[in-house]
Amino acid sequence: MKRILMVLLCLWLAACASVPTHFEKPRVAIADIQLKDVGLLQQRFVLTLRVQNPNKIAIPIDGLDTTLSIADKPLAQGVSHERVTLPALGEATLPVEVTADLASLLKAWRSMQAQGSYKLSGRLFLPQRADGVPFEYEGELPALQGLFEQLVPGARF
């Protein structure tokens, strides 16, 4: 019985040794946005997110949940189950489909006229963290002008 306890204790200590003592959350930003589908009530976009790993260990990602907001009002939401491993001190891109409704797009267009900012928030799901790792990124609205130009080609926003 003592041997089993010693083996279990050694395995537990080895597992603890592999967990980093300092873990920085990955950084997430929008790298690209493309129109996928336009419907009367809903529009679908593909956000390409750039995820950077500031840690000295690789991080496996099992998926993500995200919301894009303008002037603190949700514009589009989406989830992805795509798996990727962020290399240590490296980055990867993740596509995620998001859905927006017409009313949210109209509110966002009005907010763009005021030249505010947008916010990307959500959670990255990691195998060792069931609740996910939260992220948040803020950027300037001119970066999203391409979204509206795809909806109405030739229009100036």
N, C-alpha and C. Protein backbone atom coordinates (compact mmCIF):
# COMPACT_ATOMS: atom_id res chain seq x y z
N MET A 1 0.82 -1.19 0.00
CA MET A 1 0.00 0.00 0.00
C MET A 1 0.87 1.26 0.00
N LYS A 2 1.97 1.21 0.77
CA LYS A 2 2.87 2.36 0.83
C LYS A 2 3.50 2.64 -0.53
N ARG A 3 3.81 1.58 -1.26
CA ARG A 3 4.41 1.76 -2.59
C ARG A 3 3.44 2.45 -3.54
N ILE A 4 2.18 2.06 -3.48
CA ILE A 4 1.17 2.67 -4.34
C ILE A 4 1.04 4.15 -4.01
N LEU A 5 1.02 4.47 -2.72
CA LEU A 5 0.94 5.88 -2.31
C LEU A 5 2.17 6.66 -2.76
N MET A 6 3.34 6.04 -2.67
CA MET A 6 4.57 6.72 -3.10
C MET A 6 4.54 6.97 -4.62
N VAL A 7 4.07 5.99 -5.38
CA VAL A 7 3.99 6.15 -6.82
C VAL A 7 3.00 7.25 -7.18
N LEU A 8 1.84 7.24 -6.52
CA LEU A 8 0.84 8.29 -6.77
C LEU A 8 1.38 9.66 -6.40
N LEU A 9 2.10 9.77 -5.29
CA LEU A 9 2.68 11.04 -4.87
C LEU A 9 3.71 11.52 -5.90
N CYS A 10 4.54 10.61 -6.40
CA CYS A 10 5.54 10.98 -7.41
C CYS A 10 4.86 11.44 -8.70
N LEU A 11 3.81 10.74 -9.12
CA LEU A 11 3.08 11.15 -10.32
C LEU A 11 2.44 12.52 -10.13
N TRP A 12 1.88 12.77 -8.97
CA TRP A 12 1.25 14.06 -8.69
C TRP A 12 2.29 15.18 -8.72
N LEU A 13 3.46 14.94 -8.11
CA LEU A 13 4.52 15.94 -8.10
C LEU A 13 5.05 16.20 -9.51
N ALA A 14 5.15 15.16 -10.32
CA ALA A 14 5.61 15.33 -11.70
C ALA A 14 4.60 16.15 -12.50
N ALA A 15 3.31 15.92 -12.27
CA ALA A 15 2.27 16.69 -12.97
C ALA A 15 2.34 18.15 -12.56
N CYS A 16 2.54 18.41 -11.28
CA CYS A 16 2.62 19.80 -10.81
C CYS A 16 3.85 20.50 -11.38
N ALA A 17 4.93 19.76 -11.57
CA ALA A 17 6.15 20.36 -12.10
C ALA A 17 5.98 20.81 -13.54
N SER A 18 5.06 20.18 -14.28
CA SER A 18 4.88 20.56 -15.69
C SER A 18 3.96 21.76 -15.87
N VAL A 19 3.26 22.18 -14.81
CA VAL A 19 2.37 23.34 -14.89
C VAL A 19 3.20 24.60 -14.66
N PRO A 20 3.15 25.57 -15.57
CA PRO A 20 3.94 26.78 -15.38
C PRO A 20 3.46 27.57 -14.17
N THR A 21 4.41 28.21 -13.49
CA THR A 21 4.05 28.99 -12.32
C THR A 21 3.44 30.33 -12.71
N HIS A 22 3.76 30.82 -13.90
CA HIS A 22 3.22 32.09 -14.37
C HIS A 22 2.65 31.88 -15.77
N PHE A 23 1.36 32.11 -15.92
CA PHE A 23 0.70 31.91 -17.20
C PHE A 23 0.07 33.23 -17.63
N GLU A 24 0.49 33.74 -18.79
CA GLU A 24 -0.12 34.95 -19.35
C GLU A 24 -1.19 34.54 -20.34
N LYS A 25 -2.32 35.24 -20.30
CA LYS A 25 -3.40 34.94 -21.23
C LYS A 25 -2.95 35.23 -22.65
N PRO A 26 -3.35 34.39 -23.60
CA PRO A 26 -3.06 34.70 -25.00
C PRO A 26 -3.75 36.00 -25.41
N ARG A 27 -3.15 36.71 -26.36
CA ARG A 27 -3.73 37.94 -26.88
C ARG A 27 -4.48 37.63 -28.17
N VAL A 28 -5.67 38.21 -28.32
CA VAL A 28 -6.52 37.94 -29.47
C VAL A 28 -6.89 39.26 -30.13
N ALA A 29 -6.77 39.32 -31.46
CA ALA A 29 -7.14 40.52 -32.22
C ALA A 29 -7.74 40.09 -33.56
N ILE A 30 -8.46 40.98 -34.20
CA ILE A 30 -9.04 40.70 -35.50
C ILE A 30 -7.96 40.91 -36.57
N ALA A 31 -7.73 39.88 -37.39
CA ALA A 31 -6.77 39.98 -38.48
C ALA A 31 -7.48 40.28 -39.80
N ASP A 32 -8.72 39.78 -39.95
CA ASP A 32 -9.46 39.99 -41.21
C ASP A 32 -10.94 39.73 -40.95
N ILE A 33 -11.77 40.27 -41.82
CA ILE A 33 -13.21 40.04 -41.75
C ILE A 33 -13.74 39.92 -43.18
N GLN A 34 -14.50 38.86 -43.43
CA GLN A 34 -15.04 38.61 -44.76
C GLN A 34 -16.52 38.29 -44.66
N LEU A 35 -17.29 38.82 -45.58
CA LEU A 35 -18.71 38.52 -45.66
C LEU A 35 -18.89 37.10 -46.20
N LYS A 36 -19.73 36.32 -45.53
CA LYS A 36 -19.97 34.95 -45.98
C LYS A 36 -21.35 34.79 -46.59
N ASP A 37 -22.37 35.34 -45.92
CA ASP A 37 -23.74 35.12 -46.37
C ASP A 37 -24.60 36.30 -45.93
N VAL A 38 -25.45 36.79 -46.84
CA VAL A 38 -26.34 37.90 -46.53
C VAL A 38 -27.77 37.41 -46.64
N GLY A 39 -28.51 37.56 -45.56
CA GLY A 39 -29.93 37.25 -45.56
C GLY A 39 -30.70 38.51 -45.19
N LEU A 40 -31.99 38.44 -45.29
CA LEU A 40 -32.81 39.60 -44.96
C LEU A 40 -32.69 39.97 -43.49
N LEU A 41 -32.67 38.97 -42.61
CA LEU A 41 -32.64 39.25 -41.18
C LEU A 41 -31.28 39.01 -40.54
N GLN A 42 -30.47 38.12 -41.11
CA GLN A 42 -29.17 37.82 -40.53
C GLN A 42 -28.08 37.85 -41.59
N GLN A 43 -26.89 38.22 -41.16
CA GLN A 43 -25.72 38.22 -42.00
C GLN A 43 -24.64 37.40 -41.29
N ARG A 44 -23.86 36.67 -42.08
CA ARG A 44 -22.79 35.85 -41.51
C ARG A 44 -21.45 36.36 -42.06
N PHE A 45 -20.50 36.46 -41.16
CA PHE A 45 -19.15 36.90 -41.48
C PHE A 45 -18.17 35.87 -40.97
N VAL A 46 -17.00 35.85 -41.57
CA VAL A 46 -15.91 35.04 -41.04
C VAL A 46 -14.87 36.01 -40.50
N LEU A 47 -14.68 35.98 -39.20
CA LEU A 47 -13.62 36.76 -38.56
C LEU A 47 -12.38 35.87 -38.52
N THR A 48 -11.27 36.39 -38.97
CA THR A 48 -10.00 35.69 -38.79
C THR A 48 -9.33 36.35 -37.60
N LEU A 49 -9.14 35.57 -36.56
CA LEU A 49 -8.54 36.10 -35.33
C LEU A 49 -7.08 35.70 -35.25
N ARG A 50 -6.25 36.65 -34.89
CA ARG A 50 -4.83 36.37 -34.65
C ARG A 50 -4.67 36.17 -33.14
N VAL A 51 -4.18 34.99 -32.78
CA VAL A 51 -3.99 34.64 -31.37
C VAL A 51 -2.50 34.52 -31.12
N GLN A 52 -1.99 35.30 -30.18
CA GLN A 52 -0.57 35.30 -29.84
C GLN A 52 -0.36 34.68 -28.47
N ASN A 53 0.69 33.88 -28.37
CA ASN A 53 1.03 33.20 -27.12
C ASN A 53 2.29 33.84 -26.53
N PRO A 54 2.16 34.59 -25.42
CA PRO A 54 3.32 35.21 -24.81
C PRO A 54 4.06 34.30 -23.82
N ASN A 55 3.71 33.02 -23.80
CA ASN A 55 4.29 32.06 -22.85
C ASN A 55 5.38 31.22 -23.50
N LYS A 56 6.24 30.63 -22.67
CA LYS A 56 7.33 29.80 -23.17
C LYS A 56 6.91 28.35 -23.36
N ILE A 57 5.61 28.08 -23.29
CA ILE A 57 5.09 26.74 -23.52
C ILE A 57 4.01 26.80 -24.60
N ALA A 58 3.87 25.73 -25.36
CA ALA A 58 2.81 25.66 -26.37
C ALA A 58 1.46 25.54 -25.65
N ILE A 59 0.42 26.11 -26.24
CA ILE A 59 -0.91 26.09 -25.64
C ILE A 59 -1.90 25.48 -26.63
N PRO A 60 -2.49 24.34 -26.28
CA PRO A 60 -3.53 23.78 -27.15
C PRO A 60 -4.85 24.50 -26.93
N ILE A 61 -5.52 24.86 -28.02
CA ILE A 61 -6.83 25.51 -27.93
C ILE A 61 -7.85 24.57 -28.56
N ASP A 62 -8.93 24.32 -27.83
CA ASP A 62 -9.99 23.41 -28.31
C ASP A 62 -11.14 24.14 -28.98
N GLY A 63 -11.17 25.46 -28.90
CA GLY A 63 -12.25 26.23 -29.50
C GLY A 63 -12.36 27.58 -28.83
N LEU A 64 -13.36 28.36 -29.26
CA LEU A 64 -13.55 29.68 -28.67
C LEU A 64 -14.99 30.14 -28.82
N ASP A 65 -15.32 31.13 -28.02
CA ASP A 65 -16.62 31.80 -28.03
C ASP A 65 -16.29 33.28 -28.07
N THR A 66 -16.91 34.04 -28.98
CA THR A 66 -16.54 35.46 -29.10
C THR A 66 -17.74 36.34 -29.40
N THR A 67 -17.62 37.60 -29.01
CA THR A 67 -18.62 38.63 -29.31
C THR A 67 -17.88 39.87 -29.80
N LEU A 68 -18.38 40.43 -30.90
CA LEU A 68 -17.86 41.68 -31.44
C LEU A 68 -18.87 42.76 -31.10
N SER A 69 -18.41 43.83 -30.42
CA SER A 69 -19.29 44.92 -30.00
C SER A 69 -18.80 46.24 -30.54
N ILE A 70 -19.74 47.14 -30.80
CA ILE A 70 -19.43 48.51 -31.19
C ILE A 70 -20.20 49.43 -30.26
N ALA A 71 -19.49 50.39 -29.68
CA ALA A 71 -20.09 51.32 -28.72
C ALA A 71 -20.80 50.54 -27.61
N ASP A 72 -20.15 49.49 -27.13
CA ASP A 72 -20.65 48.64 -26.04
C ASP A 72 -21.97 47.94 -26.35
N LYS A 73 -22.33 47.83 -27.62
CA LYS A 73 -23.53 47.11 -28.04
C LYS A 73 -23.10 45.91 -28.88
N PRO A 74 -23.53 44.69 -28.52
CA PRO A 74 -23.14 43.51 -29.29
C PRO A 74 -23.56 43.63 -30.75
N LEU A 75 -22.64 43.34 -31.64
CA LEU A 75 -22.91 43.37 -33.08
C LEU A 75 -23.03 41.95 -33.62
N ALA A 76 -22.07 41.10 -33.30
CA ALA A 76 -22.05 39.74 -33.83
C ALA A 76 -21.47 38.79 -32.80
N GLN A 77 -21.98 37.56 -32.81
CA GLN A 77 -21.50 36.53 -31.90
C GLN A 77 -21.18 35.28 -32.70
N GLY A 78 -20.25 34.48 -32.18
CA GLY A 78 -19.93 33.23 -32.85
C GLY A 78 -19.12 32.31 -31.97
N VAL A 79 -19.08 31.05 -32.36
CA VAL A 79 -18.29 30.04 -31.67
C VAL A 79 -17.52 29.24 -32.72
N SER A 80 -16.44 28.62 -32.29
CA SER A 80 -15.66 27.76 -33.17
C SER A 80 -15.16 26.57 -32.37
N HIS A 81 -15.18 25.41 -32.98
CA HIS A 81 -14.64 24.22 -32.33
C HIS A 81 -13.29 23.82 -32.95
N GLU A 82 -12.75 24.71 -33.77
CA GLU A 82 -11.47 24.41 -34.42
C GLU A 82 -10.36 24.32 -33.38
N ARG A 83 -9.57 23.28 -33.52
CA ARG A 83 -8.45 23.06 -32.61
C ARG A 83 -7.15 23.51 -33.25
N VAL A 84 -6.34 24.15 -32.44
CA VAL A 84 -5.03 24.62 -32.90
C VAL A 84 -4.11 24.64 -31.68
N THR A 85 -2.83 24.45 -31.93
CA THR A 85 -1.84 24.57 -30.86
C THR A 85 -1.02 25.82 -31.13
N LEU A 86 -1.09 26.74 -30.16
CA LEU A 86 -0.27 27.96 -30.27
C LEU A 86 1.16 27.59 -29.92
N PRO A 87 2.11 27.84 -30.80
CA PRO A 87 3.50 27.54 -30.45
C PRO A 87 3.98 28.46 -29.32
N ALA A 88 4.94 27.99 -28.58
CA ALA A 88 5.53 28.80 -27.52
C ALA A 88 6.06 30.09 -28.15
N LEU A 89 5.72 31.23 -27.54
CA LEU A 89 6.14 32.55 -28.02
C LEU A 89 5.83 32.73 -29.51
N GLY A 90 4.67 32.22 -29.93
CA GLY A 90 4.29 32.31 -31.34
C GLY A 90 2.84 32.71 -31.49
N GLU A 91 2.33 32.55 -32.69
CA GLU A 91 0.95 32.94 -32.96
C GLU A 91 0.33 32.02 -33.99
N ALA A 92 -0.99 32.09 -34.07
CA ALA A 92 -1.75 31.33 -35.06
C ALA A 92 -2.99 32.13 -35.40
N THR A 93 -3.60 31.82 -36.55
CA THR A 93 -4.86 32.46 -36.90
C THR A 93 -5.97 31.43 -36.81
N LEU A 94 -7.13 31.90 -36.37
CA LEU A 94 -8.31 31.05 -36.22
C LEU A 94 -9.50 31.70 -36.91
N PRO A 95 -10.12 31.02 -37.85
CA PRO A 95 -11.35 31.56 -38.43
C PRO A 95 -12.54 31.22 -37.53
N VAL A 96 -13.46 32.16 -37.37
CA VAL A 96 -14.68 31.90 -36.61
C VAL A 96 -15.84 32.58 -37.33
N GLU A 97 -16.91 31.84 -37.55
CA GLU A 97 -18.10 32.41 -38.17
C GLU A 97 -18.91 33.11 -37.11
N VAL A 98 -19.31 34.35 -37.41
CA VAL A 98 -20.14 35.12 -36.50
C VAL A 98 -21.41 35.53 -37.23
N THR A 99 -22.47 35.70 -36.46
CA THR A 99 -23.76 36.09 -37.01
C THR A 99 -24.17 37.43 -36.44
N ALA A 100 -24.66 38.30 -37.33
CA ALA A 100 -25.18 39.61 -36.92
C ALA A 100 -26.59 39.73 -37.46
N ASP A 101 -27.43 40.46 -36.74
CA ASP A 101 -28.77 40.71 -37.27
C ASP A 101 -28.81 42.11 -37.86
N LEU A 102 -29.81 42.37 -38.69
CA LEU A 102 -29.91 43.64 -39.40
C LEU A 102 -29.97 44.83 -38.45
N ALA A 103 -30.73 44.72 -37.37
CA ALA A 103 -30.84 45.83 -36.42
C ALA A 103 -29.48 46.16 -35.80
N SER A 104 -28.71 45.13 -35.45
CA SER A 104 -27.39 45.36 -34.86
C SER A 104 -26.45 46.02 -35.87
N LEU A 105 -26.54 45.60 -37.14
CA LEU A 105 -25.70 46.21 -38.17
C LEU A 105 -26.04 47.68 -38.38
N LEU A 106 -27.32 48.01 -38.35
CA LEU A 106 -27.70 49.42 -38.51
C LEU A 106 -27.21 50.26 -37.34
N LYS A 107 -27.32 49.74 -36.12
CA LYS A 107 -26.80 50.46 -34.95
C LYS A 107 -25.29 50.62 -35.06
N ALA A 108 -24.61 49.58 -35.53
CA ALA A 108 -23.15 49.66 -35.68
C ALA A 108 -22.77 50.70 -36.73
N TRP A 109 -23.53 50.74 -37.82
CA TRP A 109 -23.24 51.73 -38.85
C TRP A 109 -23.37 53.14 -38.29
N ARG A 110 -24.41 53.39 -37.48
CA ARG A 110 -24.57 54.71 -36.85
C ARG A 110 -23.42 55.00 -35.90
N SER A 111 -22.98 54.00 -35.17
CA SER A 111 -21.86 54.19 -34.24
C SER A 111 -20.58 54.50 -35.00
N MET A 112 -20.43 53.92 -36.18
CA MET A 112 -19.24 54.21 -36.98
C MET A 112 -19.18 55.67 -37.37
N GLN A 113 -20.34 56.27 -37.57
CA GLN A 113 -20.36 57.68 -37.93
C GLN A 113 -19.79 58.54 -36.80
N ALA A 114 -19.92 58.08 -35.57
CA ALA A 114 -19.39 58.82 -34.42
C ALA A 114 -17.91 58.51 -34.18
N GLN A 115 -17.34 57.60 -34.98
CA GLN A 115 -15.93 57.22 -34.87
C GLN A 115 -15.56 56.78 -33.44
N GLY A 116 -16.21 55.76 -32.97
CA GLY A 116 -15.87 55.18 -31.67
C GLY A 116 -14.87 54.05 -31.83
N SER A 117 -15.02 53.04 -31.00
CA SER A 117 -14.12 51.89 -31.06
C SER A 117 -14.94 50.61 -31.02
N TYR A 118 -14.29 49.52 -31.33
CA TYR A 118 -14.95 48.23 -31.23
C TYR A 118 -14.26 47.40 -30.16
N LYS A 119 -14.97 46.38 -29.68
CA LYS A 119 -14.39 45.49 -28.68
C LYS A 119 -14.65 44.05 -29.10
N LEU A 120 -13.63 43.25 -29.03
CA LEU A 120 -13.73 41.82 -29.27
C LEU A 120 -13.49 41.15 -27.93
N SER A 121 -14.44 40.33 -27.50
CA SER A 121 -14.28 39.66 -26.21
C SER A 121 -14.75 38.22 -26.34
N GLY A 122 -14.37 37.42 -25.37
CA GLY A 122 -14.79 36.03 -25.39
C GLY A 122 -13.93 35.15 -24.52
N ARG A 123 -13.94 33.85 -24.85
CA ARG A 123 -13.16 32.87 -24.10
C ARG A 123 -12.49 31.90 -25.06
N LEU A 124 -11.24 31.56 -24.74
CA LEU A 124 -10.52 30.49 -25.43
C LEU A 124 -10.64 29.25 -24.55
N PHE A 125 -11.01 28.13 -25.14
CA PHE A 125 -11.16 26.90 -24.36
C PHE A 125 -9.89 26.06 -24.47
N LEU A 126 -9.32 25.74 -23.31
CA LEU A 126 -8.10 24.95 -23.21
C LEU A 126 -8.45 23.63 -22.53
N PRO A 127 -7.75 22.54 -22.88
CA PRO A 127 -8.06 21.25 -22.27
C PRO A 127 -7.97 21.27 -20.74
N GLN A 128 -7.04 22.02 -20.19
CA GLN A 128 -6.85 22.02 -18.74
C GLN A 128 -7.69 23.06 -18.00
N ARG A 129 -8.49 23.86 -18.73
CA ARG A 129 -9.33 24.88 -18.09
C ARG A 129 -10.74 24.79 -18.65
N ALA A 130 -11.60 24.08 -17.95
CA ALA A 130 -12.97 23.85 -18.42
C ALA A 130 -13.75 25.16 -18.59
N ASP A 131 -13.45 26.16 -17.77
CA ASP A 131 -14.19 27.43 -17.84
C ASP A 131 -13.63 28.37 -18.91
N GLY A 132 -12.52 28.02 -19.53
CA GLY A 132 -11.94 28.85 -20.58
C GLY A 132 -11.10 29.99 -20.03
N VAL A 133 -10.36 30.60 -20.92
CA VAL A 133 -9.52 31.75 -20.60
C VAL A 133 -10.14 32.97 -21.27
N PRO A 134 -10.57 33.96 -20.49
CA PRO A 134 -11.21 35.14 -21.11
C PRO A 134 -10.20 36.00 -21.87
N PHE A 135 -10.70 36.69 -22.90
CA PHE A 135 -9.87 37.65 -23.63
C PHE A 135 -10.72 38.86 -23.97
N GLU A 136 -10.03 39.97 -24.20
CA GLU A 136 -10.69 41.20 -24.60
C GLU A 136 -9.69 42.04 -25.38
N TYR A 137 -10.16 42.63 -26.48
CA TYR A 137 -9.32 43.47 -27.31
C TYR A 137 -10.15 44.64 -27.81
N GLU A 138 -9.58 45.84 -27.80
CA GLU A 138 -10.27 47.01 -28.33
C GLU A 138 -9.47 47.58 -29.49
N GLY A 139 -10.19 48.02 -30.52
CA GLY A 139 -9.55 48.61 -31.69
C GLY A 139 -10.37 49.78 -32.20
N GLU A 140 -9.82 50.47 -33.19
CA GLU A 140 -10.50 51.62 -33.77
C GLU A 140 -11.47 51.18 -34.86
N LEU A 141 -12.59 51.86 -34.96
CA LEU A 141 -13.62 51.51 -35.93
C LEU A 141 -13.20 51.56 -37.40
N PRO A 142 -12.32 52.46 -37.82
CA PRO A 142 -11.94 52.42 -39.24
C PRO A 142 -11.45 51.05 -39.69
N ALA A 143 -10.95 50.24 -38.78
CA ALA A 143 -10.50 48.90 -39.13
C ALA A 143 -11.67 48.02 -39.57
N LEU A 144 -12.89 48.35 -39.16
CA LEU A 144 -14.06 47.55 -39.52
C LEU A 144 -14.82 48.10 -40.72
N GLN A 145 -14.35 49.17 -41.33
CA GLN A 145 -15.06 49.74 -42.46
C GLN A 145 -15.24 48.74 -43.59
N GLY A 146 -14.30 47.83 -43.74
CA GLY A 146 -14.41 46.82 -44.78
C GLY A 146 -15.65 45.96 -44.63
N LEU A 147 -16.11 45.77 -43.41
CA LEU A 147 -17.32 45.00 -43.16
C LEU A 147 -18.51 45.63 -43.87
N PHE A 148 -18.68 46.93 -43.74
CA PHE A 148 -19.81 47.62 -44.34
C PHE A 148 -19.62 47.79 -45.85
N GLU A 149 -18.38 47.95 -46.29
CA GLU A 149 -18.12 48.08 -47.73
C GLU A 149 -18.44 46.78 -48.45
N GLN A 150 -18.32 45.63 -47.77
CA GLN A 150 -18.69 44.36 -48.37
C GLN A 150 -20.21 44.25 -48.52
N LEU A 151 -20.94 44.83 -47.57
CA LEU A 151 -22.39 44.78 -47.63
C LEU A 151 -22.96 45.70 -48.72
N VAL A 152 -22.35 46.90 -48.86
CA VAL A 152 -22.82 47.88 -49.84
C VAL A 152 -21.60 48.33 -50.65
N PRO A 153 -21.24 47.56 -51.70
CA PRO A 153 -20.04 47.92 -52.48
C PRO A 153 -20.15 49.34 -53.05
N GLY A 154 -19.02 50.05 -52.95
CA GLY A 154 -18.96 51.40 -53.48
C GLY A 154 -19.45 52.47 -52.53
N ALA A 155 -20.08 52.07 -51.42
CA ALA A 155 -20.57 53.05 -50.46
C ALA A 155 -19.42 53.57 -49.61
N ARG A 156 -19.51 54.82 -49.22
CA ARG A 156 -18.50 55.42 -48.34
C ARG A 156 -19.06 55.56 -46.96
N PHE A 157 -18.35 54.98 -46.01
CA PHE A 157 -18.83 55.02 -44.61
C PHE A 157 -17.91 55.85 -43.77
